[in-house]
Structures are given as C-alpha cells and as structure tokens.
Amino acid sequence: MPEIYEYFGLIFYFYSNEHDPIHVHVKKGDKETIFDLIIYNDVLTEIKTRKRRGKEMLSSTDEKKTKDFIIVYADDIVKKWMKSFVLKSEVKITHIKTKINSEELKLKKIKLI
C-alpha cells in the first residue's frame, strides 16, 4: 500500500493491486474516500468519489480539500500511478507542507470546464 502524499492530515495512497480508472484512496483518521480521476485527452475532466466498504467517508470539508489537491496535483498523481502500476517501480511519499494556492487552483479549474 504505497503512500504517495501527506497533506495536512490527509494520507493519499494506492493499493498494490489497483485497477482502472486511475484513483487514489484518501484517509484521515478512521475515515476514507476513494477519488476516481476521469481523464479525457490527457486532461482531468472530472473527479468522482466512492465509498470504501466498511469505512465512513471523509467530511465534506476534507473532501473539498482533497478535490482541490487532486486538481492541482493530477499530473503528478498520474505519473506516480504509471510508475507504480505500469513500470512496477517504487513510489515515494511526498509531504506537502504548503497550502494550495488559490490562484493556481483557479487556473487548474479552468481546464475542468
């Protein structure tokens, strides 16, 4: 279960036997939500959430923080997915200690329209 990011208490990770679509599991405490990255023509077009069986979903505040994070870091998440599941290489955790810049988020959200 490679952890790929830590962001203000949110832990992002893949399981070792993942499947399409590209997605990340995100947990905080005993809550967890799965976020599917819907990509079309190399562009993140949608983020869908799913419940992990047996787990309570993240709070709406943490879900929003996670979606904002995914919007900003989508390219890197995809690279880590490819490295882990296509190239079968080790992926190291990245600790993000700065909050998402609202201007950067606005620019990235434009691509989702």
C-alpha atoms as a PDB file:
ATOM      1  CA  MET A   1       0.000   0.000   0.000  1.00  0.00           C
ATOM      2  CA  PRO A   2       2.286   2.806  -1.202  1.00  0.00           C
ATOM      3  CA  GLU A   3       1.508   6.137   0.393  1.00  0.00           C
ATOM      4  CA  ILE A   4       2.022   8.863  -2.182  1.00  0.00           C
ATOM      5  CA  TYR A   5       1.197  12.120  -0.368  1.00  0.00           C
ATOM      6  CA  GLU A   6       0.626  13.539   3.054  1.00  0.00           C
ATOM      7  CA  TYR A   7      -1.227  16.844   3.074  1.00  0.00           C
ATOM      8  CA  PHE A   8      -2.341  18.412   6.369  1.00  0.00           C
ATOM      9  CA  GLY A   9      -3.504  15.135   7.904  1.00  0.00           C
ATOM     10  CA  LEU A  10      -4.831  13.632   4.670  1.00  0.00           C
ATOM     11  CA  ILE A  11      -2.979  10.496   3.563  1.00  0.00           C
ATOM     12  CA  PHE A  12      -3.150   9.634  -0.155  1.00  0.00           C
ATOM     13  CA  TYR A  13      -2.279   6.101  -1.223  1.00  0.00           C
ATOM     14  CA  PHE A  14      -2.678   3.314  -3.762  1.00  0.00           C
ATOM     15  CA  TYR A  15      -3.213  -0.357  -3.031  1.00  0.00           C
ATOM     16  CA  SER A  16      -0.659  -2.683  -4.573  1.00  0.00           C
ATOM     17  CA  ASN A  17      -3.208  -4.389  -6.852  1.00  0.00           C
ATOM     18  CA  GLU A  18      -5.108  -1.401  -8.250  1.00  0.00           C
ATOM     19  CA  HIS A  19      -7.371  -1.263 -11.302  1.00  0.00           C
ATOM     20  CA  ASP A  20      -8.672   1.357 -13.710  1.00  0.00           C
ATOM     21  CA  PRO A  21      -9.752   4.091 -13.578  1.00  0.00           C
ATOM     22  CA  ILE A  22      -6.812   5.915 -12.041  1.00  0.00           C
ATOM     23  CA  HIS A  23      -7.836   6.653  -8.479  1.00  0.00           C
ATOM     24  CA  VAL A  24      -6.449   7.415  -5.043  1.00  0.00           C
ATOM     25  CA  HIS A  25      -7.571   6.341  -1.616  1.00  0.00           C
ATOM     26  CA  VAL A  26      -7.523   9.183   0.883  1.00  0.00           C
ATOM     27  CA  LYS A  27      -7.832   8.696   4.615  1.00  0.00           C
ATOM     28  CA  LYS A  28      -7.872  10.892   7.650  1.00  0.00           C
ATOM     29  CA  GLY A  29      -8.202   9.147  10.975  1.00  0.00           C
ATOM     30  CA  ASP A  30     -10.657   6.290  10.528  1.00  0.00           C
ATOM     31  CA  LYS A  31     -12.456   7.874   7.541  1.00  0.00           C
ATOM     32  CA  GLU A  32     -11.633   7.088   3.921  1.00  0.00           C
ATOM     33  CA  THR A  33     -12.908   8.010   0.461  1.00  0.00           C
ATOM     34  CA  ILE A  34     -11.839   6.835  -2.989  1.00  0.00           C
ATOM     35  CA  PHE A  35     -11.366   9.527  -5.647  1.00  0.00           C
ATOM     36  CA  ASP A  36     -11.541   8.492  -9.314  1.00  0.00           C
ATOM     37  CA  LEU A  37      -9.683  10.742 -11.744  1.00  0.00           C
ATOM     38  CA  ILE A  38     -11.627  10.908 -15.005  1.00  0.00           C
ATOM     39  CA  ILE A  39      -9.184  11.879 -17.731  1.00  0.00           C
ATOM     40  CA  TYR A  40     -10.067  12.614 -21.337  1.00  0.00           C
ATOM     41  CA  ASN A  41      -7.469  13.619 -23.967  1.00  0.00           C
ATOM     42  CA  ASP A  42      -4.807  13.937 -21.247  1.00  0.00           C
ATOM     43  CA  VAL A  43      -6.924  16.394 -19.237  1.00  0.00           C
ATOM     44  CA  LEU A  44      -8.563  15.812 -15.863  1.00  0.00           C
ATOM     45  CA  THR A  45     -12.241  16.384 -16.628  1.00  0.00           C
ATOM     46  CA  GLU A  46     -13.956  15.089 -13.502  1.00  0.00           C
ATOM     47  CA  ILE A  47     -13.298  13.732 -10.019  1.00  0.00           C
ATOM     48  CA  LYS A  48     -15.767  11.134  -8.757  1.00  0.00           C
ATOM     49  CA  THR A  49     -15.972   9.891  -5.182  1.00  0.00           C
ATOM     50  CA  ARG A  50     -16.724   6.388  -3.964  1.00  0.00           C
ATOM     51  CA  LYS A  51     -17.215   4.897  -0.536  1.00  0.00           C
ATOM     52  CA  ARG A  52     -14.689   2.355   0.687  1.00  0.00           C
ATOM     53  CA  ARG A  53     -16.528  -0.661   2.049  1.00  0.00           C
ATOM     54  CA  GLY A  54     -16.583  -0.631   5.824  1.00  0.00           C
ATOM     55  CA  LYS A  55     -15.334   2.951   6.135  1.00  0.00           C
ATOM     56  CA  GLU A  56     -17.075   6.234   6.786  1.00  0.00           C
ATOM     57  CA  MET A  57     -16.411   8.813   4.046  1.00  0.00           C
ATOM     58  CA  LEU A  58     -14.313  11.916   4.650  1.00  0.00           C
ATOM     59  CA  SER A  59     -16.095  15.020   5.908  1.00  0.00           C
ATOM     60  CA  SER A  60     -17.314  17.466   3.257  1.00  0.00           C
ATOM     61  CA  THR A  61     -14.517  19.869   4.264  1.00  0.00           C
ATOM     62  CA  ASP A  62     -11.846  17.186   3.822  1.00  0.00           C
ATOM     63  CA  GLU A  63     -13.454  16.032   0.574  1.00  0.00           C
ATOM     64  CA  LYS A  64     -13.203  19.582  -0.814  1.00  0.00           C
ATOM     65  CA  LYS A  65      -9.555  19.885   0.328  1.00  0.00           C
ATOM     66  CA  THR A  66      -8.827  16.554  -1.359  1.00  0.00           C
ATOM     67  CA  LYS A  67     -10.508  17.511  -4.628  1.00  0.00           C
ATOM     68  CA  ASP A  68      -8.611  20.818  -4.689  1.00  0.00           C
ATOM     69  CA  PHE A  69      -5.382  18.911  -4.057  1.00  0.00           C
ATOM     70  CA  ILE A  70      -6.162  16.446  -6.851  1.00  0.00           C
ATOM     71  CA  ILE A  71      -6.898  19.281  -9.281  1.00  0.00           C
ATOM     72  CA  VAL A  72      -3.510  20.860  -8.592  1.00  0.00           C
ATOM     73  CA  TYR A  73      -1.504  17.609  -8.402  1.00  0.00           C
ATOM     74  CA  ALA A  74      -3.354  15.495 -11.009  1.00  0.00           C
ATOM     75  CA  ASP A  75      -0.391  15.280 -13.396  1.00  0.00           C
ATOM     76  CA  ASP A  76       1.887  14.063 -10.619  1.00  0.00           C
ATOM     77  CA  ILE A  77      -0.713  11.579  -9.349  1.00  0.00           C
ATOM     78  CA  VAL A  78      -0.938  10.097 -12.848  1.00  0.00           C
ATOM     79  CA  LYS A  79       2.878   9.908 -13.053  1.00  0.00           C
ATOM     80  CA  LYS A  80       3.007   8.099  -9.715  1.00  0.00           C
ATOM     81  CA  TRP A  81       0.245   5.711 -10.878  1.00  0.00           C
ATOM     82  CA  MET A  82       2.168   4.924 -14.060  1.00  0.00           C
ATOM     83  CA  LYS A  83       5.421   4.465 -12.160  1.00  0.00           C
ATOM     84  CA  SER A  84       3.788   2.120  -9.660  1.00  0.00           C
ATOM     85  CA  PHE A  85       1.478   0.045 -11.871  1.00  0.00           C
ATOM     86  CA  VAL A  86       2.979   0.220 -15.360  1.00  0.00           C
ATOM     87  CA  LEU A  87       6.701   0.490 -14.645  1.00  0.00           C
ATOM     88  CA  LYS A  88       6.445  -1.516 -11.399  1.00  0.00           C
ATOM     89  CA  SER A  89       8.785   0.933  -9.659  1.00  0.00           C
ATOM     90  CA  GLU A  90       8.779   2.180  -6.097  1.00  0.00           C
ATOM     91  CA  VAL A  91       6.851   5.375  -5.442  1.00  0.00           C
ATOM     92  CA  LYS A  92       7.927   7.536  -2.523  1.00  0.00           C
ATOM     93  CA  ILE A  93       5.673   9.626  -0.341  1.00  0.00           C
ATOM     94  CA  THR A  94       5.723  13.385  -0.836  1.00  0.00           C
ATOM     95  CA  HIS A  95       4.954  15.530   2.204  1.00  0.00           C
ATOM     96  CA  ILE A  96       3.190  18.708   1.096  1.00  0.00           C
ATOM     97  CA  LYS A  97       3.559  21.394   3.759  1.00  0.00           C
ATOM     98  CA  THR A  98       2.176  24.406   1.923  1.00  0.00           C
ATOM     99  CA  LYS A  99      -1.494  25.022   1.374  1.00  0.00           C
ATOM    100  CA  ILE A 100      -2.936  25.064  -2.124  1.00  0.00           C
ATOM    101  CA  ASN A 101      -2.514  28.487  -3.723  1.00  0.00           C
ATOM    102  CA  SER A 102      -5.965  29.809  -4.662  1.00  0.00           C
ATOM    103  CA  GLU A 103      -4.676  31.391  -7.890  1.00  0.00           C
ATOM    104  CA  GLU A 104      -3.093  28.125  -9.011  1.00  0.00           C
ATOM    105  CA  LEU A 105      -6.324  26.317  -8.181  1.00  0.00           C
ATOM    106  CA  LYS A 106      -8.362  28.808 -10.243  1.00  0.00           C
ATOM    107  CA  LEU A 107      -6.112  28.269 -13.258  1.00  0.00           C
ATOM    108  CA  LYS A 108      -6.327  24.492 -12.953  1.00  0.00           C
ATOM    109  CA  LYS A 109     -10.125  24.556 -12.506  1.00  0.00           C
ATOM    110  CA  ILE A 110     -10.476  26.351 -15.838  1.00  0.00           C
ATOM    111  CA  LYS A 111      -9.263  23.152 -17.508  1.00  0.00           C
ATOM    112  CA  LEU A 112     -12.126  21.206 -15.895  1.00  0.00           C
ATOM    113  CA  ILE A 113     -14.776  23.249 -17.716  1.00  0.00           C
END
